[in-house]
Amino acid sequence: MFGPVMGTAQAAEGTVLVAQCKVLLRSAKTRGDQVEFRQDPETVGCWSFMGAVQDLAGVAEIANQPPILGACLPPDGNRLQLVRAVVAYGTAHPPVLREPAGVLALLALRDAFPCRKD
């Protein structure tokens, strides 16, 4: 039997995501299309979160719909590019670090991978 859950669910702040992703980038090595990095809660937290964001961004593409996140990820892109974009955006825009991690990721990807206006 499980007891009551204490507290409310809250999204991690952008500062947590950027810190986790910086740790990941320090240990990341690419070999072909594979990324290897030190496996610990911080790096896995960043990698998993950005994987979810990447999956969400790809949903509209698969369904041939407008981009859900307002960002147009490159077809040959990879998750490490997304991680770098989030770290760069968070570093360049410190006030956004107080926002939820999802907001930071959204703003970073829109900035790094804008959709073409045809």
PDB file of N, CA and C in Angstrom:
ATOM      1  N   MET A   1       0.844  -1.180   0.000  1.00  0.00           N
ATOM      2  CA  MET A   1       0.000   0.000   0.000  1.00  0.00           C
ATOM      3  C   MET A   1       0.889   1.243   0.000  1.00  0.00           C
ATOM      4  N   PHE A   2       0.472   2.230  -0.747  1.00  0.00           N
ATOM      5  CA  PHE A   2       1.247   3.460  -0.873  1.00  0.00           C
ATOM      6  C   PHE A   2       0.611   4.543  -0.026  1.00  0.00           C
ATOM      7  N   GLY A   3       1.460   5.385   0.542  1.00  0.00           N
ATOM      8  CA  GLY A   3       0.976   6.509   1.332  1.00  0.00           C
ATOM      9  C   GLY A   3       0.667   7.682   0.439  1.00  0.00           C
ATOM     10  N   PRO A   4       0.144   8.756   1.005  1.00  0.00           N
ATOM     11  CA  PRO A   4      -0.182   9.942   0.211  1.00  0.00           C
ATOM     12  C   PRO A   4       1.088  10.591  -0.332  1.00  0.00           C
ATOM     13  N   VAL A   5       0.940  11.209  -1.466  1.00  0.00           N
ATOM     14  CA  VAL A   5       2.053  11.928  -2.086  1.00  0.00           C
ATOM     15  C   VAL A   5       2.071  13.329  -1.506  1.00  0.00           C
ATOM     16  N   MET A   6       3.209  13.722  -1.017  1.00  0.00           N
ATOM     17  CA  MET A   6       3.326  15.049  -0.418  1.00  0.00           C
ATOM     18  C   MET A   6       3.797  16.049  -1.463  1.00  0.00           C
ATOM     19  N   GLY A   7       3.323  17.267  -1.341  1.00  0.00           N
ATOM     20  CA  GLY A   7       3.770  18.331  -2.229  1.00  0.00           C
ATOM     21  C   GLY A   7       3.006  18.318  -3.543  1.00  0.00           C
ATOM     22  N   THR A   8       3.316  19.287  -4.372  1.00  0.00           N
ATOM     23  CA  THR A   8       2.678  19.381  -5.676  1.00  0.00           C
ATOM     24  C   THR A   8       3.709  19.098  -6.755  1.00  0.00           C
ATOM     25  N   ALA A   9       3.236  18.637  -7.884  1.00  0.00           N
ATOM     26  CA  ALA A   9       4.131  18.382  -9.006  1.00  0.00           C
ATOM     27  C   ALA A   9       4.547  19.719  -9.604  1.00  0.00           C
ATOM     28  N   GLN A  10       5.823  19.900  -9.762  1.00  0.00           N
ATOM     29  CA  GLN A  10       6.341  21.116 -10.366  1.00  0.00           C
ATOM     30  C   GLN A  10       7.408  20.752 -11.382  1.00  0.00           C
ATOM     31  N   ALA A  11       7.413  21.497 -12.466  1.00  0.00           N
ATOM     32  CA  ALA A  11       8.448  21.285 -13.473  1.00  0.00           C
ATOM     33  C   ALA A  11       9.757  21.866 -12.951  1.00  0.00           C
ATOM     34  N   ALA A  12      10.842  21.219 -13.308  1.00  0.00           N
ATOM     35  CA  ALA A  12      12.167  21.733 -12.929  1.00  0.00           C
ATOM     36  C   ALA A  12      12.378  23.090 -13.588  1.00  0.00           C
ATOM     37  N   GLU A  13      13.079  23.947 -12.904  1.00  0.00           N
ATOM     38  CA  GLU A  13      13.403  25.245 -13.478  1.00  0.00           C
ATOM     39  C   GLU A  13      14.450  25.076 -14.566  1.00  0.00           C
ATOM     40  N   GLY A  14      14.494  26.053 -15.450  1.00  0.00           N
ATOM     41  CA  GLY A  14      15.471  26.046 -16.524  1.00  0.00           C
ATOM     42  C   GLY A  14      16.891  25.961 -16.020  1.00  0.00           C
ATOM     43  N   THR A  15      17.145  26.552 -14.861  1.00  0.00           N
ATOM     44  CA  THR A  15      18.496  26.510 -14.313  1.00  0.00           C
ATOM     45  C   THR A  15      18.952  25.076 -14.047  1.00  0.00           C
ATOM     46  N   VAL A  16      18.019  24.217 -13.630  1.00  0.00           N
ATOM     47  CA  VAL A  16      18.348  22.808 -13.383  1.00  0.00           C
ATOM     48  C   VAL A  16      18.667  22.113 -14.702  1.00  0.00           C
ATOM     49  N   LEU A  17      17.832  22.343 -15.702  1.00  0.00           N
ATOM     50  CA  LEU A  17      18.060  21.717 -17.005  1.00  0.00           C
ATOM     51  C   LEU A  17      19.407  22.144 -17.583  1.00  0.00           C
ATOM     52  N   VAL A  18      19.711  23.427 -17.543  1.00  0.00           N
ATOM     53  CA  VAL A  18      20.976  23.906 -18.110  1.00  0.00           C
ATOM     54  C   VAL A  18      22.157  23.310 -17.350  1.00  0.00           C
ATOM     55  N   ALA A  19      22.065  23.257 -16.030  1.00  0.00           N
ATOM     56  CA  ALA A  19      23.148  22.672 -15.243  1.00  0.00           C
ATOM     57  C   ALA A  19      23.354  21.202 -15.609  1.00  0.00           C
ATOM     58  N   GLN A  20      22.259  20.457 -15.722  1.00  0.00           N
ATOM     59  CA  GLN A  20      22.354  19.044 -16.093  1.00  0.00           C
ATOM     60  C   GLN A  20      22.956  18.888 -17.485  1.00  0.00           C
ATOM     61  N   CYS A  21      22.514  19.718 -18.406  1.00  0.00           N
ATOM     62  CA  CYS A  21      22.994  19.610 -19.784  1.00  0.00           C
ATOM     63  C   CYS A  21      24.460  20.026 -19.918  1.00  0.00           C
ATOM     64  N   LYS A  22      24.911  20.971 -19.099  1.00  0.00           N
ATOM     65  CA  LYS A  22      26.329  21.335 -19.114  1.00  0.00           C
ATOM     66  C   LYS A  22      27.185  20.152 -18.676  1.00  0.00           C
ATOM     67  N   VAL A  23      26.732  19.432 -17.658  1.00  0.00           N
ATOM     68  CA  VAL A  23      27.462  18.246 -17.202  1.00  0.00           C
ATOM     69  C   VAL A  23      27.511  17.218 -18.323  1.00  0.00           C
ATOM     70  N   LEU A  24      26.392  17.026 -18.997  1.00  0.00           N
ATOM     71  CA  LEU A  24      26.346  16.072 -20.113  1.00  0.00           C
ATOM     72  C   LEU A  24      27.334  16.473 -21.207  1.00  0.00           C
ATOM     73  N   LEU A  25      27.325  17.750 -21.578  1.00  0.00           N
ATOM     74  CA  LEU A  25      28.213  18.203 -22.656  1.00  0.00           C
ATOM     75  C   LEU A  25      29.684  18.033 -22.311  1.00  0.00           C
ATOM     76  N   ARG A  26      30.037  18.186 -21.043  1.00  0.00           N
ATOM     77  CA  ARG A  26      31.434  18.020 -20.648  1.00  0.00           C
ATOM     78  C   ARG A  26      31.915  16.586 -20.839  1.00  0.00           C
ATOM     79  N   SER A  27      31.017  15.620 -20.732  1.00  0.00           N
ATOM     80  CA  SER A  27      31.442  14.221 -20.850  1.00  0.00           C
ATOM     81  C   SER A  27      31.056  13.580 -22.183  1.00  0.00           C
ATOM     82  N   ALA A  28      30.303  14.296 -23.023  1.00  0.00           N
ATOM     83  CA  ALA A  28      29.795  13.703 -24.264  1.00  0.00           C
ATOM     84  C   ALA A  28      30.893  13.512 -25.301  1.00  0.00           C
ATOM     85  N   LYS A  29      30.865  12.349 -25.903  1.00  0.00           N
ATOM     86  CA  LYS A  29      31.760  12.027 -27.026  1.00  0.00           C
ATOM     87  C   LYS A  29      30.898  11.380 -28.099  1.00  0.00           C
ATOM     88  N   THR A  30      31.109  11.809 -29.328  1.00  0.00           N
ATOM     89  CA  THR A  30      30.344  11.215 -30.421  1.00  0.00           C
ATOM     90  C   THR A  30      31.221  10.236 -31.181  1.00  0.00           C
ATOM     91  N   ARG A  31      30.604   9.144 -31.538  1.00  0.00           N
ATOM     92  CA  ARG A  31      31.248   8.127 -32.379  1.00  0.00           C
ATOM     93  C   ARG A  31      30.242   7.775 -33.458  1.00  0.00           C
ATOM     94  N   GLY A  32      30.474   8.349 -34.637  1.00  0.00           N
ATOM     95  CA  GLY A  32      29.492   8.164 -35.704  1.00  0.00           C
ATOM     96  C   GLY A  32      28.203   8.865 -35.311  1.00  0.00           C
ATOM     97  N   ASP A  33      27.106   8.132 -35.319  1.00  0.00           N
ATOM     98  CA  ASP A  33      25.833   8.732 -34.909  1.00  0.00           C
ATOM     99  C   ASP A  33      25.470   8.389 -33.462  1.00  0.00           C
ATOM    100  N   GLN A  34      26.412   7.814 -32.732  1.00  0.00           N
ATOM    101  CA  GLN A  34      26.200   7.455 -31.326  1.00  0.00           C
ATOM    102  C   GLN A  34      26.817   8.519 -30.416  1.00  0.00           C
ATOM    103  N   VAL A  35      26.126   8.794 -29.314  1.00  0.00           N
ATOM    104  CA  VAL A  35      26.638   9.729 -28.312  1.00  0.00           C
ATOM    105  C   VAL A  35      26.888   8.941 -27.031  1.00  0.00           C
ATOM    106  N   GLU A  36      28.084   9.063 -26.516  1.00  0.00           N
ATOM    107  CA  GLU A  36      28.425   8.419 -25.251  1.00  0.00           C
ATOM    108  C   GLU A  36      28.685   9.511 -24.229  1.00  0.00           C
ATOM    109  N   PHE A  37      28.195   9.302 -23.013  1.00  0.00           N
ATOM    110  CA  PHE A  37      28.417  10.259 -21.941  1.00  0.00           C
ATOM    111  C   PHE A  37      28.356   9.537 -20.606  1.00  0.00           C
ATOM    112  N   ARG A  38      28.932  10.189 -19.595  1.00  0.00           N
ATOM    113  CA  ARG A  38      28.914   9.627 -18.253  1.00  0.00           C
ATOM    114  C   ARG A  38      27.461   9.479 -17.804  1.00  0.00           C
ATOM    115  N   GLN A  39      27.101   8.307 -17.349  1.00  0.00           N
ATOM    116  CA  GLN A  39      25.723   8.033 -16.933  1.00  0.00           C
ATOM    117  C   GLN A  39      25.556   8.329 -15.444  1.00  0.00           C
ATOM    118  N   ASP A  40      24.882   9.416 -15.131  1.00  0.00           N
ATOM    119  CA  ASP A  40      24.523   9.728 -13.756  1.00  0.00           C
ATOM    120  C   ASP A  40      23.186  10.460 -13.799  1.00  0.00           C
ATOM    121  N   PRO A  41      22.557  10.707 -12.654  1.00  0.00           N
ATOM    122  CA  PRO A  41      21.225  11.327 -12.673  1.00  0.00           C
ATOM    123  C   PRO A  41      21.167  12.658 -13.424  1.00  0.00           C
ATOM    124  N   GLU A  42      22.216  13.462 -13.326  1.00  0.00           N
ATOM    125  CA  GLU A  42      22.199  14.751 -14.014  1.00  0.00           C
ATOM    126  C   GLU A  42      22.204  14.578 -15.527  1.00  0.00           C
ATOM    127  N   THR A  43      23.154  13.809 -16.024  1.00  0.00           N
ATOM    128  CA  THR A  43      23.273  13.661 -17.476  1.00  0.00           C
ATOM    129  C   THR A  43      22.069  12.927 -18.053  1.00  0.00           C
ATOM    130  N   VAL A  44      21.620  11.909 -17.359  1.00  0.00           N
ATOM    131  CA  VAL A  44      20.456  11.155 -17.838  1.00  0.00           C
ATOM    132  C   VAL A  44      19.206  12.028 -17.781  1.00  0.00           C
ATOM    133  N   GLY A  45      19.124  12.898 -16.767  1.00  0.00           N
ATOM    134  CA  GLY A  45      17.985  13.818 -16.678  1.00  0.00           C
ATOM    135  C   GLY A  45      17.909  14.724 -17.890  1.00  0.00           C
ATOM    136  N   CYS A  46      19.018  15.324 -18.250  1.00  0.00           N
ATOM    137  CA  CYS A  46      19.062  16.185 -19.436  1.00  0.00           C
ATOM    138  C   CYS A  46      18.757  15.393 -20.692  1.00  0.00           C
ATOM    139  N   TRP A  47      19.433  14.267 -20.868  1.00  0.00           N
ATOM    140  CA  TRP A  47      19.287  13.466 -22.088  1.00  0.00           C
ATOM    141  C   TRP A  47      17.840  12.991 -22.263  1.00  0.00           C
ATOM    142  N   SER A  48      17.231  12.548 -21.186  1.00  0.00           N
ATOM    143  CA  SER A  48      15.850  12.057 -21.250  1.00  0.00           C
ATOM    144  C   SER A  48      14.874  13.188 -21.538  1.00  0.00           C
ATOM    145  N   PHE A  49      15.055  14.314 -20.852  1.00  0.00           N
ATOM    146  CA  PHE A  49      14.168  15.454 -21.064  1.00  0.00           C
ATOM    147  C   PHE A  49      14.244  15.923 -22.510  1.00  0.00           C
ATOM    148  N   MET A  50      15.458  16.059 -23.021  1.00  0.00           N
ATOM    149  CA  MET A  50      15.616  16.534 -24.390  1.00  0.00           C
ATOM    150  C   MET A  50      15.125  15.495 -25.397  1.00  0.00           C
ATOM    151  N   GLY A  51      15.193  14.223 -25.044  1.00  0.00           N
ATOM    152  CA  GLY A  51      14.621  13.187 -25.905  1.00  0.00           C
ATOM    153  C   GLY A  51      13.118  13.333 -26.012  1.00  0.00           C
ATOM    154  N   ALA A  52      12.465  13.649 -24.895  1.00  0.00           N
ATOM    155  CA  ALA A  52      11.019  13.860 -24.914  1.00  0.00           C
ATOM    156  C   ALA A  52      10.669  15.083 -25.766  1.00  0.00           C
ATOM    157  N   VAL A  53      11.446  16.138 -25.630  1.00  0.00           N
ATOM    158  CA  VAL A  53      11.223  17.346 -26.430  1.00  0.00           C
ATOM    159  C   VAL A  53      11.415  17.024 -27.916  1.00  0.00           C
ATOM    160  N   GLN A  54      12.462  16.276 -28.226  1.00  0.00           N
ATOM    161  CA  GLN A  54      12.740  15.889 -29.614  1.00  0.00           C
ATOM    162  C   GLN A  54      11.591  15.043 -30.173  1.00  0.00           C
ATOM    163  N   ASP A  55      11.092  14.111 -29.376  1.00  0.00           N
ATOM    164  CA  ASP A  55       9.971  13.278 -29.817  1.00  0.00           C
ATOM    165  C   ASP A  55       8.729  14.127 -30.070  1.00  0.00           C
ATOM    166  N   LEU A  56       8.460  15.065 -29.167  1.00  0.00           N
ATOM    167  CA  LEU A  56       7.296  15.930 -29.324  1.00  0.00           C
ATOM    168  C   LEU A  56       7.427  16.778 -30.584  1.00  0.00           C
ATOM    169  N   ALA A  57       8.610  17.295 -30.841  1.00  0.00           N
ATOM    170  CA  ALA A  57       8.832  18.103 -32.043  1.00  0.00           C
ATOM    171  C   ALA A  57       8.608  17.282 -33.306  1.00  0.00           C
ATOM    172  N   GLY A  58       8.919  15.995 -33.247  1.00  0.00           N
ATOM    173  CA  GLY A  58       8.780  15.140 -34.426  1.00  0.00           C
ATOM    174  C   GLY A  58       7.372  14.656 -34.691  1.00  0.00           C
ATOM    175  N   VAL A  59       6.474  14.785 -33.719  1.00  0.00           N
ATOM    176  CA  VAL A  59       5.096  14.298 -33.883  1.00  0.00           C
ATOM    177  C   VAL A  59       4.416  14.978 -35.057  1.00  0.00           C
ATOM    178  N   ALA A  60       4.494  16.298 -35.126  1.00  0.00           N
ATOM    179  CA  ALA A  60       3.836  17.032 -36.200  1.00  0.00           C
ATOM    180  C   ALA A  60       4.443  16.690 -37.549  1.00  0.00           C
ATOM    181  N   GLU A  61       5.758  16.511 -37.580  1.00  0.00           N
ATOM    182  CA  GLU A  61       6.426  16.180 -38.834  1.00  0.00           C
ATOM    183  C   GLU A  61       5.917  14.856 -39.392  1.00  0.00           C
ATOM    184  N   ILE A  62       5.776  13.878 -38.518  1.00  0.00           N
ATOM    185  CA  ILE A  62       5.284  12.559 -38.936  1.00  0.00           C
ATOM    186  C   ILE A  62       3.863  12.667 -39.471  1.00  0.00           C
ATOM    187  N   ALA A  63       3.057  13.509 -38.828  1.00  0.00           N
ATOM    188  CA  ALA A  63       1.663  13.674 -39.239  1.00  0.00           C
ATOM    189  C   ALA A  63       1.510  14.715 -40.347  1.00  0.00           C
ATOM    190  N   ASN A  64       2.632  15.241 -40.853  1.00  0.00           N
ATOM    191  CA  ASN A  64       2.623  16.250 -41.909  1.00  0.00           C
ATOM    192  C   ASN A  64       1.787  17.470 -41.506  1.00  0.00           C
ATOM    193  N   GLN A  65       2.014  17.918 -40.265  1.00  0.00           N
ATOM    194  CA  GLN A  65       1.300  19.064 -39.702  1.00  0.00           C
ATOM    195  C   GLN A  65       2.300  20.170 -39.379  1.00  0.00           C
ATOM    196  N   PRO A  66       1.796  21.378 -39.118  1.00  0.00           N
ATOM    197  CA  PRO A  66       2.712  22.450 -38.708  1.00  0.00           C
ATOM    198  C   PRO A  66       3.438  22.056 -37.417  1.00  0.00           C
ATOM    199  N   PRO A  67       4.631  22.581 -37.214  1.00  0.00           N
ATOM    200  CA  PRO A  67       5.422  22.206 -36.029  1.00  0.00           C
ATOM    201  C   PRO A  67       4.712  22.578 -34.725  1.00  0.00           C
ATOM    202  N   ILE A  68       4.627  21.619 -33.836  1.00  0.00           N
ATOM    203  CA  ILE A  68       3.959  21.823 -32.549  1.00  0.00           C
ATOM    204  C   ILE A  68       4.699  22.847 -31.706  1.00  0.00           C
ATOM    205  N   LEU A  69       6.008  22.777 -31.704  1.00  0.00           N
ATOM    206  CA  LEU A  69       6.801  23.646 -30.842  1.00  0.00           C
ATOM    207  C   LEU A  69       7.159  24.979 -31.489  1.00  0.00           C
ATOM    208  N   GLY A  70       6.806  25.166 -32.743  1.00  0.00           N
ATOM    209  CA  GLY A  70       7.174  26.393 -33.435  1.00  0.00           C
ATOM    210  C   GLY A  70       8.631  26.421 -33.841  1.00  0.00           C
ATOM    211  N   ALA A  71       9.284  25.273 -33.760  1.00  0.00           N
ATOM    212  CA  ALA A  71      10.679  25.138 -34.178  1.00  0.00           C
ATOM    213  C   ALA A  71      10.726  24.084 -35.272  1.00  0.00           C
ATOM    214  N   CYS A  72      11.605  24.272 -36.225  1.00  0.00           N
ATOM    215  CA  CYS A  72      11.746  23.318 -37.317  1.00  0.00           C
ATOM    216  C   CYS A  72      13.134  22.688 -37.218  1.00  0.00           C
ATOM    217  N   LEU A  73      13.178  21.545 -36.561  1.00  0.00           N
ATOM    218  CA  LEU A  73      14.441  20.860 -36.348  1.00  0.00           C
ATOM    219  C   LEU A  73      14.980  20.335 -37.667  1.00  0.00           C
ATOM    220  N   PRO A  74      16.288  20.380 -37.852  1.00  0.00           N
ATOM    221  CA  PRO A  74      16.860  19.889 -39.107  1.00  0.00           C
ATOM    222  C   PRO A  74      16.654  18.381 -39.236  1.00  0.00           C
ATOM    223  N   PRO A  75      16.318  17.920 -40.436  1.00  0.00           N
ATOM    224  CA  PRO A  75      16.062  16.486 -40.619  1.00  0.00           C
ATOM    225  C   PRO A  75      17.275  15.620 -40.286  1.00  0.00           C
ATOM    226  N   ASP A  76      18.465  16.170 -40.441  1.00  0.00           N
ATOM    227  CA  ASP A  76      19.672  15.404 -40.139  1.00  0.00           C
ATOM    228  C   ASP A  76      20.228  15.763 -38.758  1.00  0.00           C
ATOM    229  N   GLY A  77      19.427  16.458 -37.961  1.00  0.00           N
ATOM    230  CA  GLY A  77      19.867  16.889 -36.639  1.00  0.00           C
ATOM    231  C   GLY A  77      19.889  15.742 -35.639  1.00  0.00           C
ATOM    232  N   ASN A  78      20.462  16.030 -34.478  1.00  0.00           N
ATOM    233  CA  ASN A  78      20.511  15.024 -33.428  1.00  0.00           C
ATOM    234  C   ASN A  78      20.236  15.679 -32.075  1.00  0.00           C
ATOM    235  N   ARG A  79      20.037  14.851 -31.083  1.00  0.00           N
ATOM    236  CA  ARG A  79      19.675  15.346 -29.760  1.00  0.00           C
ATOM    237  C   ARG A  79      20.770  16.213 -29.144  1.00  0.00           C
ATOM    238  N   LEU A  80      22.011  15.911 -29.432  1.00  0.00           N
ATOM    239  CA  LEU A  80      23.107  16.699 -28.882  1.00  0.00           C
ATOM    240  C   LEU A  80      23.025  18.154 -29.360  1.00  0.00           C
ATOM    241  N   GLN A  81      22.563  18.374 -30.573  1.00  0.00           N
ATOM    242  CA  GLN A  81      22.373  19.735 -31.071  1.00  0.00           C
ATOM    243  C   GLN A  81      21.322  20.467 -30.232  1.00  0.00           C
ATOM    244  N   LEU A  82      20.282  19.746 -29.849  1.00  0.00           N
ATOM    245  CA  LEU A  82      19.226  20.352 -29.035  1.00  0.00           C
ATOM    246  C   LEU A  82      19.769  20.712 -27.654  1.00  0.00           C
ATOM    247  N   VAL A  83      20.566  19.823 -27.099  1.00  0.00           N
ATOM    248  CA  VAL A  83      21.185  20.071 -25.792  1.00  0.00           C
ATOM    249  C   VAL A  83      22.055  21.323 -25.866  1.00  0.00           C
ATOM    250  N   ARG A  84      22.860  21.430 -26.894  1.00  0.00           N
ATOM    251  CA  ARG A  84      23.732  22.610 -27.059  1.00  0.00           C
ATOM    252  C   ARG A  84      22.902  23.884 -27.202  1.00  0.00           C
ATOM    253  N   ALA A  85      21.803  23.799 -27.938  1.00  0.00           N
ATOM    254  CA  ALA A  85      20.939  24.965 -28.141  1.00  0.00           C
ATOM    255  C   ALA A  85      20.344  25.439 -26.817  1.00  0.00           C
ATOM    256  N   VAL A  86      19.920  24.511 -25.977  1.00  0.00           N
ATOM    257  CA  VAL A  86      19.337  24.869 -24.683  1.00  0.00           C
ATOM    258  C   VAL A  86      20.386  25.517 -23.782  1.00  0.00           C
ATOM    259  N   VAL A  87      21.581  24.954 -23.743  1.00  0.00           N
ATOM    260  CA  VAL A  87      22.656  25.522 -22.915  1.00  0.00           C
ATOM    261  C   VAL A  87      23.019  26.919 -23.421  1.00  0.00           C
ATOM    262  N   ALA A  88      23.160  27.067 -24.718  1.00  0.00           N
ATOM    263  CA  ALA A  88      23.531  28.370 -25.285  1.00  0.00           C
ATOM    264  C   ALA A  88      22.457  29.418 -25.001  1.00  0.00           C
ATOM    265  N   TYR A  89      21.201  29.051 -25.178  1.00  0.00           N
ATOM    266  CA  TYR A  89      20.115  30.007 -24.954  1.00  0.00           C
ATOM    267  C   TYR A  89      20.018  30.383 -23.479  1.00  0.00           C
ATOM    268  N   GLY A  90      20.100  29.398 -22.607  1.00  0.00           N
ATOM    269  CA  GLY A  90      20.039  29.671 -21.179  1.00  0.00           C
ATOM    270  C   GLY A  90      21.183  30.554 -20.713  1.00  0.00           C
ATOM    271  N   THR A  91      22.369  30.335 -21.274  1.00  0.00           N
ATOM    272  CA  THR A  91      23.538  31.135 -20.924  1.00  0.00           C
ATOM    273  C   THR A  91      23.388  32.571 -21.424  1.00  0.00           C
ATOM    274  N   ALA A  92      22.832  32.734 -22.614  1.00  0.00           N
ATOM    275  CA  ALA A  92      22.672  34.059 -23.211  1.00  0.00           C
ATOM    276  C   ALA A  92      21.487  34.837 -22.646  1.00  0.00           C
ATOM    277  N   HIS A  93      20.522  34.126 -22.055  1.00  0.00           N
ATOM    278  CA  HIS A  93      19.298  34.767 -21.544  1.00  0.00           C
ATOM    279  C   HIS A  93      19.043  34.342 -20.095  1.00  0.00           C
ATOM    280  N   PRO A  94      19.846  34.825 -19.154  1.00  0.00           N
ATOM    281  CA  PRO A  94      19.724  34.373 -17.760  1.00  0.00           C
ATOM    282  C   PRO A  94      18.325  34.473 -17.149  1.00  0.00           C
ATOM    283  N   PRO A  95      17.497  35.478 -17.463  1.00  0.00           N
ATOM    284  CA  PRO A  95      16.169  35.522 -16.841  1.00  0.00           C
ATOM    285  C   PRO A  95      15.301  34.287 -17.154  1.00  0.00           C
ATOM    286  N   VAL A  96      15.516  33.658 -18.302  1.00  0.00           N
ATOM    287  CA  VAL A  96      14.698  32.506 -18.680  1.00  0.00           C
ATOM    288  C   VAL A  96      15.022  31.282 -17.818  1.00  0.00           C
ATOM    289  N   LEU A  97      16.138  31.317 -17.106  1.00  0.00           N
ATOM    290  CA  LEU A  97      16.519  30.197 -16.252  1.00  0.00           C
ATOM    291  C   LEU A  97      15.536  29.998 -15.100  1.00  0.00           C
ATOM    292  N   ARG A  98      14.764  31.032 -14.784  1.00  0.00           N
ATOM    293  CA  ARG A  98      13.758  30.915 -13.723  1.00  0.00           C
ATOM    294  C   ARG A  98      12.460  30.290 -14.228  1.00  0.00           C
ATOM    295  N   GLU A  99      12.337  30.150 -15.516  1.00  0.00           N
ATOM    296  CA  GLU A  99      11.140  29.552 -16.111  1.00  0.00           C
ATOM    297  C   GLU A  99      11.216  28.027 -15.999  1.00  0.00           C
ATOM    298  N   PRO A 100      10.073  27.350 -16.171  1.00  0.00           N
ATOM    299  CA  PRO A 100      10.116  25.881 -16.211  1.00  0.00           C
ATOM    300  C   PRO A 100      11.017  25.402 -17.348  1.00  0.00           C
ATOM    301  N   ALA A 101      11.614  24.248 -17.173  1.00  0.00           N
ATOM    302  CA  ALA A 101      12.536  23.699 -18.166  1.00  0.00           C
ATOM    303  C   ALA A 101      11.888  23.607 -19.544  1.00  0.00           C
ATOM    304  N   GLY A 102      10.624  23.264 -19.601  1.00  0.00           N
ATOM    305  CA  GLY A 102       9.936  23.162 -20.892  1.00  0.00           C
ATOM    306  C   GLY A 102       9.860  24.486 -21.623  1.00  0.00           C
ATOM    307  N   VAL A 103       9.644  25.555 -20.879  1.00  0.00           N
ATOM    308  CA  VAL A 103       9.596  26.890 -21.493  1.00  0.00           C
ATOM    309  C   VAL A 103      10.972  27.246 -22.048  1.00  0.00           C
ATOM    310  N   LEU A 104      12.004  26.998 -21.261  1.00  0.00           N
ATOM    311  CA  LEU A 104      13.370  27.257 -21.727  1.00  0.00           C
ATOM    312  C   LEU A 104      13.662  26.470 -22.999  1.00  0.00           C
ATOM    313  N   ALA A 105      13.333  25.189 -23.012  1.00  0.00           N
ATOM    314  CA  ALA A 105      13.595  24.355 -24.191  1.00  0.00           C
ATOM    315  C   ALA A 105      12.843  24.889 -25.402  1.00  0.00           C
ATOM    316  N   LEU A 106      11.589  25.254 -25.215  1.00  0.00           N
ATOM    317  CA  LEU A 106      10.779  25.779 -26.304  1.00  0.00           C
ATOM    318  C   LEU A 106      11.401  27.044 -26.888  1.00  0.00           C
ATOM    319  N   LEU A 107      11.756  27.984 -26.036  1.00  0.00           N
ATOM    320  CA  LEU A 107      12.355  29.235 -26.508  1.00  0.00           C
ATOM    321  C   LEU A 107      13.696  28.994 -27.183  1.00  0.00           C
ATOM    322  N   ALA A 108      14.493  28.113 -26.612  1.00  0.00           N
ATOM    323  CA  ALA A 108      15.813  27.818 -27.176  1.00  0.00           C
ATOM    324  C   ALA A 108      15.698  27.202 -28.562  1.00  0.00           C
ATOM    325  N   LEU A 109      14.785  26.255 -28.720  1.00  0.00           N
ATOM    326  CA  LEU A 109      14.651  25.585 -30.015  1.00  0.00           C
ATOM    327  C   LEU A 109      14.049  26.511 -31.062  1.00  0.00           C
ATOM    328  N   ARG A 110      13.125  27.354 -30.661  1.00  0.00           N
ATOM    329  CA  ARG A 110      12.576  28.330 -31.611  1.00  0.00           C
ATOM    330  C   ARG A 110      13.659  29.289 -32.086  1.00  0.00           C
ATOM    331  N   ASP A 111      14.555  29.646 -31.172  1.00  0.00           N
ATOM    332  CA  ASP A 111      15.642  30.557 -31.514  1.00  0.00           C
ATOM    333  C   ASP A 111      16.681  29.871 -32.413  1.00  0.00           C
ATOM    334  N   ALA A 112      17.042  28.639 -32.064  1.00  0.00           N
ATOM    335  CA  ALA A 112      18.101  27.933 -32.795  1.00  0.00           C
ATOM    336  C   ALA A 112      17.627  27.342 -34.110  1.00  0.00           C
ATOM    337  N   PHE A 113      16.361  26.966 -34.171  1.00  0.00           N
ATOM    338  CA  PHE A 113      15.836  26.283 -35.359  1.00  0.00           C
ATOM    339  C   PHE A 113      14.533  26.925 -35.821  1.00  0.00           C
ATOM    340  N   PRO A 114      14.616  28.180 -36.259  1.00  0.00           N
ATOM    341  CA  PRO A 114      13.391  28.852 -36.697  1.00  0.00           C
ATOM    342  C   PRO A 114      12.824  28.206 -37.967  1.00  0.00           C
ATOM    343  N   CYS A 115      11.532  28.268 -38.084  1.00  0.00           N
ATOM    344  CA  CYS A 115      10.880  27.762 -39.297  1.00  0.00           C
ATOM    345  C   CYS A 115      10.987  28.813 -40.391  1.00  0.00           C
ATOM    346  N   ARG A 116      11.215  28.340 -41.591  1.00  0.00           N
ATOM    347  CA  ARG A 116      11.287  29.255 -42.733  1.00  0.00           C
ATOM    348  C   ARG A 116       9.904  29.824 -43.005  1.00  0.00           C
ATOM    349  N   LYS A 117       9.882  31.078 -43.344  1.00  0.00           N
ATOM    350  CA  LYS A 117       8.638  31.731 -43.749  1.00  0.00           C
ATOM    351  C   LYS A 117       8.621  31.784 -45.267  1.00  0.00           C
ATOM    352  N   ASP A 118       7.812  30.917 -45.852  1.00  0.00           N
ATOM    353  CA  ASP A 118       7.738  30.892 -47.336  1.00  0.00           C
ATOM    354  C   ASP A 118       6.620  31.750 -47.840  1.00  0.00           C
TER     355      ASP A 118
END
